[in-house]
PDB file of N, CA and C in Angstrom:
ATOM      1  N   MET A   1      27.896  37.428  13.577  1.00  0.00           N
ATOM      2  CA  MET A   1      27.546  36.868  12.491  1.00  0.00           C
ATOM      3  C   MET A   1      27.820  35.290  12.148  1.00  0.00           C
ATOM      4  N   GLN A   2      29.022  35.190  12.553  1.00  0.00           N
ATOM      5  CA  GLN A   2      29.560  33.463  12.229  1.00  0.00           C
ATOM      6  C   GLN A   2      28.789  32.711  13.217  1.00  0.00           C
ATOM      7  N   THR A   3      28.688  33.112  13.926  1.00  0.00           N
ATOM      8  CA  THR A   3      27.835  32.199  14.957  1.00  0.00           C
ATOM      9  C   THR A   3      26.470  32.025  14.359  1.00  0.00           C
ATOM     10  N   HIS A   4      26.122  32.798  14.104  1.00  0.00           N
ATOM     11  CA  HIS A   4      24.519  32.466  13.312  1.00  0.00           C
ATOM     12  C   HIS A   4      24.256  31.660  12.542  1.00  0.00           C
ATOM     13  N   THR A   5      25.434  32.166  11.432  1.00  0.00           N
ATOM     14  CA  THR A   5      25.703  31.167  10.569  1.00  0.00           C
ATOM     15  C   THR A   5      25.978  29.424  11.061  1.00  0.00           C
ATOM     16  N   TYR A   6      27.286  29.228  11.669  1.00  0.00           N
ATOM     17  CA  TYR A   6      27.301  27.935  12.156  1.00  0.00           C
ATOM     18  C   TYR A   6      26.253  27.533  12.908  1.00  0.00           C
ATOM     19  N   THR A   7      25.331  27.948  13.483  1.00  0.00           N
ATOM     20  CA  THR A   7      24.357  27.651  14.296  1.00  0.00           C
ATOM     21  C   THR A   7      22.955  27.098  13.651  1.00  0.00           C
ATOM     22  N   HIS A   8      22.945  27.681  12.339  1.00  0.00           N
ATOM     23  CA  HIS A   8      22.079  27.606  11.041  1.00  0.00           C
ATOM     24  C   HIS A   8      22.121  26.401  10.660  1.00  0.00           C
ATOM     25  N   THR A   9      23.343  25.964  10.354  1.00  0.00           N
ATOM     26  CA  THR A   9      24.229  25.126   9.727  1.00  0.00           C
ATOM     27  C   THR A   9      23.858  23.778  10.718  1.00  0.00           C
ATOM     28  N   LEU A  10      24.385  23.661  11.743  1.00  0.00           N
ATOM     29  CA  LEU A  10      24.291  22.884  12.633  1.00  0.00           C
ATOM     30  C   LEU A  10      22.726  22.162  12.378  1.00  0.00           C
ATOM     31  N   GLU A  11      21.632  23.283  12.696  1.00  0.00           N
ATOM     32  CA  GLU A  11      20.612  23.072  12.768  1.00  0.00           C
ATOM     33  C   GLU A  11      19.775  22.477  11.745  1.00  0.00           C
ATOM     34  N   ASN A  12      20.276  22.918  10.363  1.00  0.00           N
ATOM     35  CA  ASN A  12      19.726  21.981   9.269  1.00  0.00           C
ATOM     36  C   ASN A  12      19.899  20.812   9.610  1.00  0.00           C
ATOM     37  N   THR A  13      21.398  20.416   9.944  1.00  0.00           N
ATOM     38  CA  THR A  13      22.484  19.285   9.900  1.00  0.00           C
ATOM     39  C   THR A  13      21.347  18.212  10.861  1.00  0.00           C
ATOM     40  N   GLU A  14      20.886  18.490  12.046  1.00  0.00           N
ATOM     41  CA  GLU A  14      20.242  18.106  12.894  1.00  0.00           C
ATOM     42  C   GLU A  14      18.749  18.004  12.236  1.00  0.00           C
ATOM     43  N   LYS A  15      18.542  18.450  11.754  1.00  0.00           N
ATOM     44  CA  LYS A  15      16.959  18.316  11.119  1.00  0.00           C
ATOM     45  C   LYS A  15      17.201  17.142   9.866  1.00  0.00           C
ATOM     46  N   LYS A  16      18.027  17.131   9.072  1.00  0.00           N
ATOM     47  CA  LYS A  16      18.150  15.963   8.187  1.00  0.00           C
ATOM     48  C   LYS A  16      18.529  14.921   9.129  1.00  0.00           C
ATOM     49  N   LEU A  17      19.156  14.597   9.917  1.00  0.00           N
ATOM     50  CA  LEU A  17      19.352  13.318  10.426  1.00  0.00           C
ATOM     51  C   LEU A  17      17.811  13.125  11.374  1.00  0.00           C
ATOM     52  N   VAL A  18      16.619  13.806  11.734  1.00  0.00           N
ATOM     53  CA  VAL A  18      16.300  13.226  11.992  1.00  0.00           C
ATOM     54  C   VAL A  18      15.144  13.119  11.106  1.00  0.00           C
ATOM     55  N   GLY A  19      15.204  13.556  10.446  1.00  0.00           N
ATOM     56  CA  GLY A  19      14.183  13.536   8.569  1.00  0.00           C
ATOM     57  C   GLY A  19      14.642  12.234   8.265  1.00  0.00           C
ATOM     58  N   PHE A  20      15.900  11.974   7.972  1.00  0.00           N
ATOM     59  CA  PHE A  20      16.210  10.030   7.854  1.00  0.00           C
ATOM     60  C   PHE A  20      16.011   9.147   8.709  1.00  0.00           C
ATOM     61  N   THR A  21      15.938   9.542  10.164  1.00  0.00           N
ATOM     62  CA  THR A  21      15.398   8.569  11.029  1.00  0.00           C
ATOM     63  C   THR A  21      13.839   8.200  11.225  1.00  0.00           C
ATOM     64  N   ASP A  22      13.364   9.587  10.776  1.00  0.00           N
ATOM     65  CA  ASP A  22      11.624   8.939  10.612  1.00  0.00           C
ATOM     66  C   ASP A  22      11.195   8.502   9.607  1.00  0.00           C
ATOM     67  N   HIS A  23      12.335   8.849   8.305  1.00  0.00           N
ATOM     68  CA  HIS A  23      11.996   7.762   6.804  1.00  0.00           C
ATOM     69  C   HIS A  23      12.482   6.066   7.261  1.00  0.00           C
ATOM     70  N   ALA A  24      13.182   6.353   8.466  1.00  0.00           N
ATOM     71  CA  ALA A  24      13.530   4.686   8.230  1.00  0.00           C
ATOM     72  C   ALA A  24      12.131   4.017   9.462  1.00  0.00           C
ATOM     73  N   ILE A  25      12.283   4.573  10.060  1.00  0.00           N
ATOM     74  CA  ILE A  25      11.266   3.783  11.278  1.00  0.00           C
ATOM     75  C   ILE A  25       9.530   4.250  10.554  1.00  0.00           C
ATOM     76  N   ASP A  26       9.474   5.082  10.034  1.00  0.00           N
ATOM     77  CA  ASP A  26       7.899   4.987   8.937  1.00  0.00           C
ATOM     78  C   ASP A  26       7.806   4.062   8.022  1.00  0.00           C
ATOM     79  N   CYS A  27       8.661   3.088   7.532  1.00  0.00           N
ATOM     80  CA  CYS A  27       8.481   2.390   6.179  1.00  0.00           C
ATOM     81  C   CYS A  27       7.994   1.121   7.057  1.00  0.00           C
ATOM     82  N   CYS A  28       6.867   0.490   6.161  1.00  0.00           N
ATOM     83  CA  CYS A  28       6.539  -0.979   6.296  1.00  0.00           C
ATOM     84  C   CYS A  28       7.366  -2.056   5.732  1.00  0.00           C
ATOM     85  N   LEU A  29       8.176  -2.740   6.075  1.00  0.00           N
ATOM     86  CA  LEU A  29       8.524  -4.106   5.832  1.00  0.00           C
ATOM     87  C   LEU A  29       8.198  -5.041   5.342  1.00  0.00           C
ATOM     88  N   THR A  30       6.859  -5.231   6.018  1.00  0.00           N
ATOM     89  CA  THR A  30       5.840  -6.433   5.422  1.00  0.00           C
ATOM     90  C   THR A  30       4.373  -6.010   5.539  1.00  0.00           C
ATOM     91  N   THR A  31       3.902  -6.566   4.776  1.00  0.00           N
ATOM     92  CA  THR A  31       2.463  -6.159   4.950  1.00  0.00           C
ATOM     93  C   THR A  31       1.842  -7.776   5.041  1.00  0.00           C
ATOM     94  N   THR A  32       0.539  -7.400   5.778  1.00  0.00           N
ATOM     95  CA  THR A  32      -0.584  -8.572   6.071  1.00  0.00           C
ATOM     96  C   THR A  32      -2.007  -8.320   5.110  1.00  0.00           C
ATOM     97  N   GLY A  33      -2.070  -9.254   4.451  1.00  0.00           N
ATOM     98  CA  GLY A  33      -3.744  -9.737   3.547  1.00  0.00           C
ATOM     99  C   GLY A  33      -4.369  -9.444   4.445  1.00  0.00           C
ATOM    100  N   GLN A  34      -4.449  -9.873   5.652  1.00  0.00           N
ATOM    101  CA  GLN A  34      -5.601 -10.355   6.551  1.00  0.00           C
ATOM    102  C   GLN A  34      -6.360  -8.888   6.615  1.00  0.00           C
ATOM    103  N   PHE A  35      -7.872  -9.419   6.695  1.00  0.00           N
ATOM    104  CA  PHE A  35      -8.948  -8.340   6.999  1.00  0.00           C
ATOM    105  C   PHE A  35      -8.748  -7.330   7.730  1.00  0.00           C
ATOM    106  N   LEU A  36      -9.041  -6.003   7.538  1.00  0.00           N
ATOM    107  CA  LEU A  36      -9.338  -5.444   8.458  1.00  0.00           C
ATOM    108  C   LEU A  36     -10.752  -4.732   9.003  1.00  0.00           C
ATOM    109  N   PRO A  37     -11.615  -4.920   9.551  1.00  0.00           N
ATOM    110  CA  PRO A  37     -12.584  -4.351  10.132  1.00  0.00           C
ATOM    111  C   PRO A  37     -12.960  -3.025   9.520  1.00  0.00           C
ATOM    112  N   ARG A  38     -13.774  -2.257   8.983  1.00  0.00           N
ATOM    113  CA  ARG A  38     -14.170  -0.657   8.996  1.00  0.00           C
ATOM    114  C   ARG A  38     -13.715  -0.138  10.275  1.00  0.00           C
ATOM    115  N   HIS A  39     -14.656  -0.756  11.027  1.00  0.00           N
ATOM    116  CA  HIS A  39     -14.885  -0.139  12.899  1.00  0.00           C
ATOM    117  C   HIS A  39     -13.469   0.255  13.491  1.00  0.00           C
ATOM    118  N   ILE A  40     -12.677  -0.466  13.013  1.00  0.00           N
ATOM    119  CA  ILE A  40     -11.197  -0.103  13.532  1.00  0.00           C
ATOM    120  C   ILE A  40      -9.942   0.810  12.829  1.00  0.00           C
ATOM    121  N   ALA A  41     -10.070   0.911  11.643  1.00  0.00           N
ATOM    122  CA  ALA A  41      -9.556   2.251  11.322  1.00  0.00           C
ATOM    123  C   ALA A  41     -10.028   3.315  11.255  1.00  0.00           C
ATOM    124  N   VAL A  42      -9.070   4.334  11.455  1.00  0.00           N
ATOM    125  CA  VAL A  42      -9.330   5.604  11.359  1.00  0.00           C
ATOM    126  C   VAL A  42      -9.002   6.793  10.445  1.00  0.00           C
ATOM    127  N   SER A  43      -7.912   6.130   9.565  1.00  0.00           N
ATOM    128  CA  SER A  43      -7.333   6.884   8.870  1.00  0.00           C
ATOM    129  C   SER A  43      -6.055   5.881   7.755  1.00  0.00           C
ATOM    130  N   TYR A  44      -5.439   6.072   6.683  1.00  0.00           N
ATOM    131  CA  TYR A  44      -4.627   5.765   6.526  1.00  0.00           C
ATOM    132  C   TYR A  44      -3.565   6.464   5.681  1.00  0.00           C
ATOM    133  N   THR A  45      -2.368   6.201   5.336  1.00  0.00           N
ATOM    134  CA  THR A  45      -1.480   6.625   4.227  1.00  0.00           C
ATOM    135  C   THR A  45      -0.769   5.600   3.189  1.00  0.00           C
ATOM    136  N   MET A  46      -0.413   6.430   1.968  1.00  0.00           N
ATOM    137  CA  MET A  46       0.120   5.718   1.237  1.00  0.00           C
ATOM    138  C   MET A  46       1.331   5.414   1.121  1.00  0.00           C
ATOM    139  N   GLN A  47       1.941   4.169   1.650  1.00  0.00           N
ATOM    140  CA  GLN A  47       3.883   4.139   1.346  1.00  0.00           C
ATOM    141  C   GLN A  47       3.858   3.555  -0.121  1.00  0.00           C
ATOM    142  N   GLU A  48       4.728   4.484  -1.149  1.00  0.00           N
ATOM    143  CA  GLU A  48       5.306   4.326  -2.046  1.00  0.00           C
ATOM    144  C   GLU A  48       6.814   3.278  -2.172  1.00  0.00           C
ATOM    145  N   LYS A  49       7.012   2.615  -3.270  1.00  0.00           N
ATOM    146  CA  LYS A  49       8.108   2.128  -2.930  1.00  0.00           C
ATOM    147  C   LYS A  49       9.089   2.897  -3.214  1.00  0.00           C
ATOM    148  N   SER A  50       9.325   3.764  -3.927  1.00  0.00           N
ATOM    149  CA  SER A  50       9.968   4.703  -4.500  1.00  0.00           C
ATOM    150  C   SER A  50      11.116   5.722  -2.745  1.00  0.00           C
ATOM    151  N   ALA A  51      10.082   5.377  -1.924  1.00  0.00           N
ATOM    152  CA  ALA A  51      10.623   5.981  -0.359  1.00  0.00           C
ATOM    153  C   ALA A  51      10.576   4.946   0.353  1.00  0.00           C
ATOM    154  N   CYS A  52      10.405   3.829   0.525  1.00  0.00           N
ATOM    155  CA  CYS A  52      10.468   2.965   0.802  1.00  0.00           C
ATOM    156  C   CYS A  52      10.580   1.345   0.206  1.00  0.00           C
ATOM    157  N   ARG A  53      11.073   0.371   0.925  1.00  0.00           N
ATOM    158  CA  ARG A  53      11.562  -0.716   0.122  1.00  0.00           C
ATOM    159  C   ARG A  53      10.123  -1.746  -0.858  1.00  0.00           C
ATOM    160  N   ILE A  54       9.348  -1.159   0.257  1.00  0.00           N
ATOM    161  CA  ILE A  54       7.639  -1.910  -0.755  1.00  0.00           C
ATOM    162  C   ILE A  54       6.712  -0.866  -0.554  1.00  0.00           C
ATOM    163  N   PRO A  55       6.056  -1.263  -1.548  1.00  0.00           N
ATOM    164  CA  PRO A  55       4.544  -0.441  -1.566  1.00  0.00           C
ATOM    165  C   PRO A  55       3.765  -0.673  -0.625  1.00  0.00           C
ATOM    166  N   ALA A  56       2.923  -0.170   0.060  1.00  0.00           N
ATOM    167  CA  ALA A  56       1.914  -0.491   0.843  1.00  0.00           C
ATOM    168  C   ALA A  56       1.046   0.359   1.337  1.00  0.00           C
ATOM    169  N   THR A  57      -0.131   0.078   1.817  1.00  0.00           N
ATOM    170  CA  THR A  57      -1.700   0.859   2.180  1.00  0.00           C
ATOM    171  C   THR A  57      -1.097   0.868   4.252  1.00  0.00           C
ATOM    172  N   VAL A  58      -0.908   1.834   4.605  1.00  0.00           N
ATOM    173  CA  VAL A  58      -0.510   1.997   5.852  1.00  0.00           C
ATOM    174  C   VAL A  58      -1.988   2.601   6.991  1.00  0.00           C
ATOM    175  N   PHE A  59      -2.872   1.249   7.501  1.00  0.00           N
ATOM    176  CA  PHE A  59      -4.010   1.930   8.434  1.00  0.00           C
ATOM    177  C   PHE A  59      -3.797   2.053   9.743  1.00  0.00           C
ATOM    178  N   ILE A  60      -3.917   3.311  10.325  1.00  0.00           N
ATOM    179  CA  ILE A  60      -4.089   3.654  11.496  1.00  0.00           C
ATOM    180  C   ILE A  60      -5.300   3.688  12.315  1.00  0.00           C
ATOM    181  N   THR A  61      -5.378   2.928  13.213  1.00  0.00           N
ATOM    182  CA  THR A  61      -6.368   2.103  13.952  1.00  0.00           C
ATOM    183  C   THR A  61      -6.995   3.224  15.355  1.00  0.00           C
ATOM    184  N   ARG A  62      -7.679   2.781  16.025  1.00  0.00           N
ATOM    185  CA  ARG A  62      -8.438   3.713  16.801  1.00  0.00           C
ATOM    186  C   ARG A  62      -7.217   3.695  17.933  1.00  0.00           C
ATOM    187  N   LYS A  63      -6.415   2.833  18.466  1.00  0.00           N
ATOM    188  CA  LYS A  63      -5.667   2.759  19.122  1.00  0.00           C
ATOM    189  C   LYS A  63      -4.238   2.960  18.856  1.00  0.00           C
ATOM    190  N   ASN A  64      -4.581   4.162  17.723  1.00  0.00           N
ATOM    191  CA  ASN A  64      -2.927   4.211  16.581  1.00  0.00           C
ATOM    192  C   ASN A  64      -2.035   3.681  16.762  1.00  0.00           C
ATOM    193  N   LYS A  65      -2.340   2.360  16.474  1.00  0.00           N
ATOM    194  CA  LYS A  65      -1.249   1.754  15.747  1.00  0.00           C
ATOM    195  C   LYS A  65      -1.378   1.260  14.422  1.00  0.00           C
ATOM    196  N   LYS A  66       0.042   0.972  13.608  1.00  0.00           N
ATOM    197  CA  LYS A  66      -0.106   1.182  12.146  1.00  0.00           C
ATOM    198  C   LYS A  66      -0.501  -0.072  11.445  1.00  0.00           C
ATOM    199  N   ILE A  67      -1.177  -0.515  10.928  1.00  0.00           N
ATOM    200  CA  ILE A  67      -1.237  -1.754   9.934  1.00  0.00           C
ATOM    201  C   ILE A  67      -1.033  -1.877   8.489  1.00  0.00           C
ATOM    202  N   CYS A  68       0.183  -2.782   8.493  1.00  0.00           N
ATOM    203  CA  CYS A  68       0.646  -2.252   6.742  1.00  0.00           C
ATOM    204  C   CYS A  68      -0.045  -3.568   5.816  1.00  0.00           C
ATOM    205  N   SER A  69      -0.915  -3.225   5.260  1.00  0.00           N
ATOM    206  CA  SER A  69      -1.538  -3.969   4.488  1.00  0.00           C
ATOM    207  C   SER A  69      -0.806  -3.307   2.663  1.00  0.00           C
ATOM    208  N   PRO A  70      -1.441  -4.485   2.178  1.00  0.00           N
ATOM    209  CA  PRO A  70      -1.334  -4.404   0.660  1.00  0.00           C
ATOM    210  C   PRO A  70      -1.605  -3.509   0.297  1.00  0.00           C
ATOM    211  N   PRO A  71      -0.959  -2.943  -1.352  1.00  0.00           N
ATOM    212  CA  PRO A  71      -1.198  -1.660  -1.723  1.00  0.00           C
ATOM    213  C   PRO A  71      -2.474  -1.679  -2.077  1.00  0.00           C
ATOM    214  N   LEU A  72      -2.920  -0.426  -2.497  1.00  0.00           N
ATOM    215  CA  LEU A  72      -4.413  -0.040  -2.947  1.00  0.00           C
ATOM    216  C   LEU A  72      -4.671  -1.149  -4.512  1.00  0.00           C
ATOM    217  N   GLU A  73      -3.291  -0.970  -5.324  1.00  0.00           N
ATOM    218  CA  GLU A  73      -3.228  -1.417  -6.804  1.00  0.00           C
ATOM    219  C   GLU A  73      -3.316  -3.408  -7.070  1.00  0.00           C
ATOM    220  N   ASP A  74      -2.745  -3.712  -5.687  1.00  0.00           N
ATOM    221  CA  ASP A  74      -2.935  -5.466  -5.516  1.00  0.00           C
ATOM    222  C   ASP A  74      -4.884  -5.904  -5.443  1.00  0.00           C
ATOM    223  N   ALA A  75      -4.837  -6.362  -6.822  1.00  0.00           N
ATOM    224  CA  ALA A  75      -6.339  -6.616  -7.024  1.00  0.00           C
ATOM    225  C   ALA A  75      -6.419  -7.891  -6.006  1.00  0.00           C
ATOM    226  N   ARG A  76      -5.798  -8.790  -5.375  1.00  0.00           N
ATOM    227  CA  ARG A  76      -6.264  -9.884  -4.561  1.00  0.00           C
ATOM    228  C   ARG A  76      -6.921  -9.483  -3.397  1.00  0.00           C
ATOM    229  N   TYR A  77      -6.448  -8.008  -3.029  1.00  0.00           N
ATOM    230  CA  TYR A  77      -7.246  -7.595  -1.763  1.00  0.00           C
ATOM    231  C   TYR A  77      -8.046  -6.977  -1.889  1.00  0.00           C
ATOM    232  N   PRO A  78      -9.425  -6.812  -2.301  1.00  0.00           N
ATOM    233  CA  PRO A  78     -10.405  -5.700  -2.738  1.00  0.00           C
ATOM    234  C   PRO A  78     -10.866  -4.748  -1.565  1.00  0.00           C
ATOM    235  N   TRP A  79     -10.620  -5.348  -0.277  1.00  0.00           N
ATOM    236  CA  TRP A  79     -10.933  -5.026   0.923  1.00  0.00           C
ATOM    237  C   TRP A  79     -10.264  -3.515   1.231  1.00  0.00           C
ATOM    238  N   VAL A  80      -8.843  -3.098   0.402  1.00  0.00           N
ATOM    239  CA  VAL A  80      -8.348  -2.341   1.202  1.00  0.00           C
ATOM    240  C   VAL A  80      -8.675  -1.345   0.399  1.00  0.00           C
ATOM    241  N   LYS A  81      -8.878  -1.040  -1.161  1.00  0.00           N
ATOM    242  CA  LYS A  81      -9.754  -0.341  -1.653  1.00  0.00           C
ATOM    243  C   LYS A  81     -11.142   0.221  -1.008  1.00  0.00           C
ATOM    244  N   LYS A  82     -11.915  -1.085  -0.697  1.00  0.00           N
ATOM    245  CA  LYS A  82     -13.220  -0.864   0.156  1.00  0.00           C
ATOM    246  C   LYS A  82     -12.552   0.136   1.308  1.00  0.00           C
ATOM    247  N   LEU A  83     -11.866  -0.156   2.001  1.00  0.00           N
ATOM    248  CA  LEU A  83     -11.721   0.269   3.194  1.00  0.00           C
ATOM    249  C   LEU A  83     -11.232   1.936   3.365  1.00  0.00           C
ATOM    250  N   ILE A  84     -10.232   2.557   2.224  1.00  0.00           N
ATOM    251  CA  ILE A  84     -10.176   3.235   1.661  1.00  0.00           C
ATOM    252  C   ILE A  84     -11.215   4.534   1.162  1.00  0.00           C
ATOM    253  N   THR A  85     -12.197   3.764   0.800  1.00  0.00           N
ATOM    254  CA  THR A  85     -13.088   4.547   0.127  1.00  0.00           C
ATOM    255  C   THR A  85     -13.816   4.929   1.416  1.00  0.00           C
ATOM    256  N   HIS A  86     -14.336   3.951   2.061  1.00  0.00           N
ATOM    257  CA  HIS A  86     -14.807   4.409   3.449  1.00  0.00           C
ATOM    258  C   HIS A  86     -14.245   5.282   4.222  1.00  0.00           C
ATOM    259  N   LEU A  87     -13.005   5.265   4.409  1.00  0.00           N
ATOM    260  CA  LEU A  87     -12.500   6.172   4.812  1.00  0.00           C
ATOM    261  C   LEU A  87     -12.333   7.970   4.495  1.00  0.00           C
ATOM    262  N   ASP A  88     -12.308   8.020   3.038  1.00  0.00           N
ATOM    263  CA  ASP A  88     -12.388   9.248   2.429  1.00  0.00           C
ATOM    264  C   ASP A  88     -13.501   9.786   2.480  1.00  0.00           C
ATOM    265  N   ASN A  89     -14.919   8.860   2.822  1.00  0.00           N
ATOM    266  CA  ASN A  89     -16.193   9.736   2.760  1.00  0.00           C
ATOM    267  C   ASN A  89     -16.471   9.694   3.910  1.00  0.00           C
ATOM    268  N   LEU A  90     -15.839   8.648   4.695  1.00  0.00           N
ATOM    269  CA  LEU A  90     -16.086   9.349   6.272  1.00  0.00           C
ATOM    270  C   LEU A  90     -15.357  10.587   6.866  1.00  0.00           C
ATOM    271  N   ASN A  91     -13.992  10.762   6.548  1.00  0.00           N
ATOM    272  CA  ASN A  91     -13.591  12.086   6.518  1.00  0.00           C
ATOM    273  C   ASN A  91     -13.581  13.355   5.995  1.00  0.00           C
ATOM    274  N   GLY A  92     -14.544  12.813   4.422  1.00  0.00           N
ATOM    275  CA  GLY A  92     -14.726  14.220   3.685  1.00  0.00           C
ATOM    276  C   GLY A  92     -13.264  14.284   2.742  1.00  0.00           C
ATOM    277  N   LYS A  93     -12.799  13.321   2.679  1.00  0.00           N
ATOM    278  CA  LYS A  93     -11.847  13.626   2.002  1.00  0.00           C
ATOM    279  C   LYS A  93     -12.038  13.384   0.376  1.00  0.00           C
ATOM    280  N   ASN A  94     -13.210  13.071  -0.197  1.00  0.00           N
ATOM    281  CA  ASN A  94     -13.444  12.975  -1.810  1.00  0.00           C
ATOM    282  C   ASN A  94     -12.169  12.286  -2.228  1.00  0.00           C
ATOM    283  N   GLY A  95     -11.683  11.175  -1.873  1.00  0.00           N
ATOM    284  CA  GLY A  95     -10.317  10.483  -2.641  1.00  0.00           C
ATOM    285  C   GLY A  95      -9.272  11.257  -2.547  1.00  0.00           C
ATOM    286  N   ASP A  96      -8.969  12.183  -2.093  1.00  0.00           N
ATOM    287  CA  ASP A  96      -7.743  12.888  -1.847  1.00  0.00           C
ATOM    288  C   ASP A  96      -6.849  11.659  -0.997  1.00  0.00           C
ATOM    289  N   LYS A  97      -6.016  10.968  -1.485  1.00  0.00           N
ATOM    290  CA  LYS A  97      -4.653   9.936  -0.549  1.00  0.00           C
ATOM    291  C   LYS A  97      -4.077  10.970  -0.164  1.00  0.00           C
ATOM    292  N   HIS A  98      -3.613  10.117   1.134  1.00  0.00           N
ATOM    293  CA  HIS A  98      -2.735  10.783   1.872  1.00  0.00           C
ATOM    294  C   HIS A  98      -1.317   9.996   1.160  1.00  0.00           C
ATOM    295  N   ASN A  99      -0.112  10.543   1.296  1.00  0.00           N
ATOM    296  CA  ASN A  99       1.182  10.092   0.384  1.00  0.00           C
ATOM    297  C   ASN A  99       2.201  10.173   0.906  1.00  0.00           C
ATOM    298  N   ILE A 100       2.409   9.122   2.005  1.00  0.00           N
ATOM    299  CA  ILE A 100       4.090   9.419   2.690  1.00  0.00           C
ATOM    300  C   ILE A 100       5.047   9.433   1.602  1.00  0.00           C
ATOM    301  N   THR A 101       5.121   9.328   0.455  1.00  0.00           N
ATOM    302  CA  THR A 101       6.368   9.510  -0.327  1.00  0.00           C
ATOM    303  C   THR A 101       5.883  11.462  -0.497  1.00  0.00           C
ATOM    304  N   ALA A 102       5.051  11.687  -0.846  1.00  0.00           N
ATOM    305  CA  ALA A 102       4.943  13.223  -0.825  1.00  0.00           C
ATOM    306  C   ALA A 102       5.509  13.900   0.217  1.00  0.00           C
ATOM    307  N   LYS A 103       5.412  13.088   1.575  1.00  0.00           N
ATOM    308  CA  LYS A 103       5.664  14.152   2.783  1.00  0.00           C
ATOM    309  C   LYS A 103       6.937  14.117   2.996  1.00  0.00           C
ATOM    310  N   LEU A 104       7.438  12.820   2.343  1.00  0.00           N
ATOM    311  CA  LEU A 104       8.821  12.654   2.825  1.00  0.00           C
ATOM    312  C   LEU A 104       9.643  13.629   2.144  1.00  0.00           C
ATOM    313  N   GLN A 105       9.438  14.009   0.581  1.00  0.00           N
ATOM    314  CA  GLN A 105      10.021  14.773  -0.050  1.00  0.00           C
ATOM    315  C   GLN A 105       9.776  15.937  -0.007  1.00  0.00           C
ATOM    316  N   ALA A 106       9.025  16.206   0.771  1.00  0.00           N
ATOM    317  CA  ALA A 106       8.641  17.715   1.217  1.00  0.00           C
ATOM    318  C   ALA A 106       9.310  17.991   2.360  1.00  0.00           C
ATOM    319  N   LYS A 107      10.003  17.013   3.071  1.00  0.00           N
ATOM    320  CA  LYS A 107      10.595  17.584   4.422  1.00  0.00           C
ATOM    321  C   LYS A 107      12.038  17.231   3.953  1.00  0.00           C
ATOM    322  N   SER A 108      12.758  16.712   3.068  1.00  0.00           N
ATOM    323  CA  SER A 108      13.914  16.168   2.808  1.00  0.00           C
ATOM    324  C   SER A 108      14.464  17.865   1.942  1.00  0.00           C
ATOM    325  N   SER A 109      13.596  17.788   1.209  1.00  0.00           N
ATOM    326  CA  SER A 109      13.671  19.208   0.282  1.00  0.00           C
ATOM    327  C   SER A 109      13.844  20.511   0.767  1.00  0.00           C
ATOM    328  N   LYS A 110      12.958  20.437   2.096  1.00  0.00           N
ATOM    329  CA  LYS A 110      12.695  21.749   2.805  1.00  0.00           C
ATOM    330  C   LYS A 110      14.153  22.206   3.447  1.00  0.00           C
ATOM    331  N   TYR A 111      14.916  21.043   3.633  1.00  0.00           N
ATOM    332  CA  TYR A 111      16.027  21.057   4.806  1.00  0.00           C
ATOM    333  C   TYR A 111      17.253  21.063   3.695  1.00  0.00           C
ATOM    334  N   LEU A 112      17.376  21.095   2.277  1.00  0.00           N
ATOM    335  CA  LEU A 112      18.235  20.900   1.447  1.00  0.00           C
ATOM    336  C   LEU A 112      18.864  22.445   1.067  1.00  0.00           C
TER     337      LEU A 112
END
């Protein structure tokens, strides 16, 4: 019984460390306002300032590369909102945003 408890604790600790590492790796540190053509992007996630240093829209390309773009709320880059709308319509999301903050919070609370 004691071994099982120890193993479980060790397993949770490893998962916490892995979760922390994933958090650091997945955050954009800067964004680019350069226009991204519709045919290149296949999906996106929203990075919120509460989970990372800066808010950002992270587009995933056909080649599975991440492009860190300005947040949806930044009026200087209207193409971001248009591309998100296009991807939602294409993927049948009906405006349901992917949210990196919610994913990270769910992941961390699972192991607490």
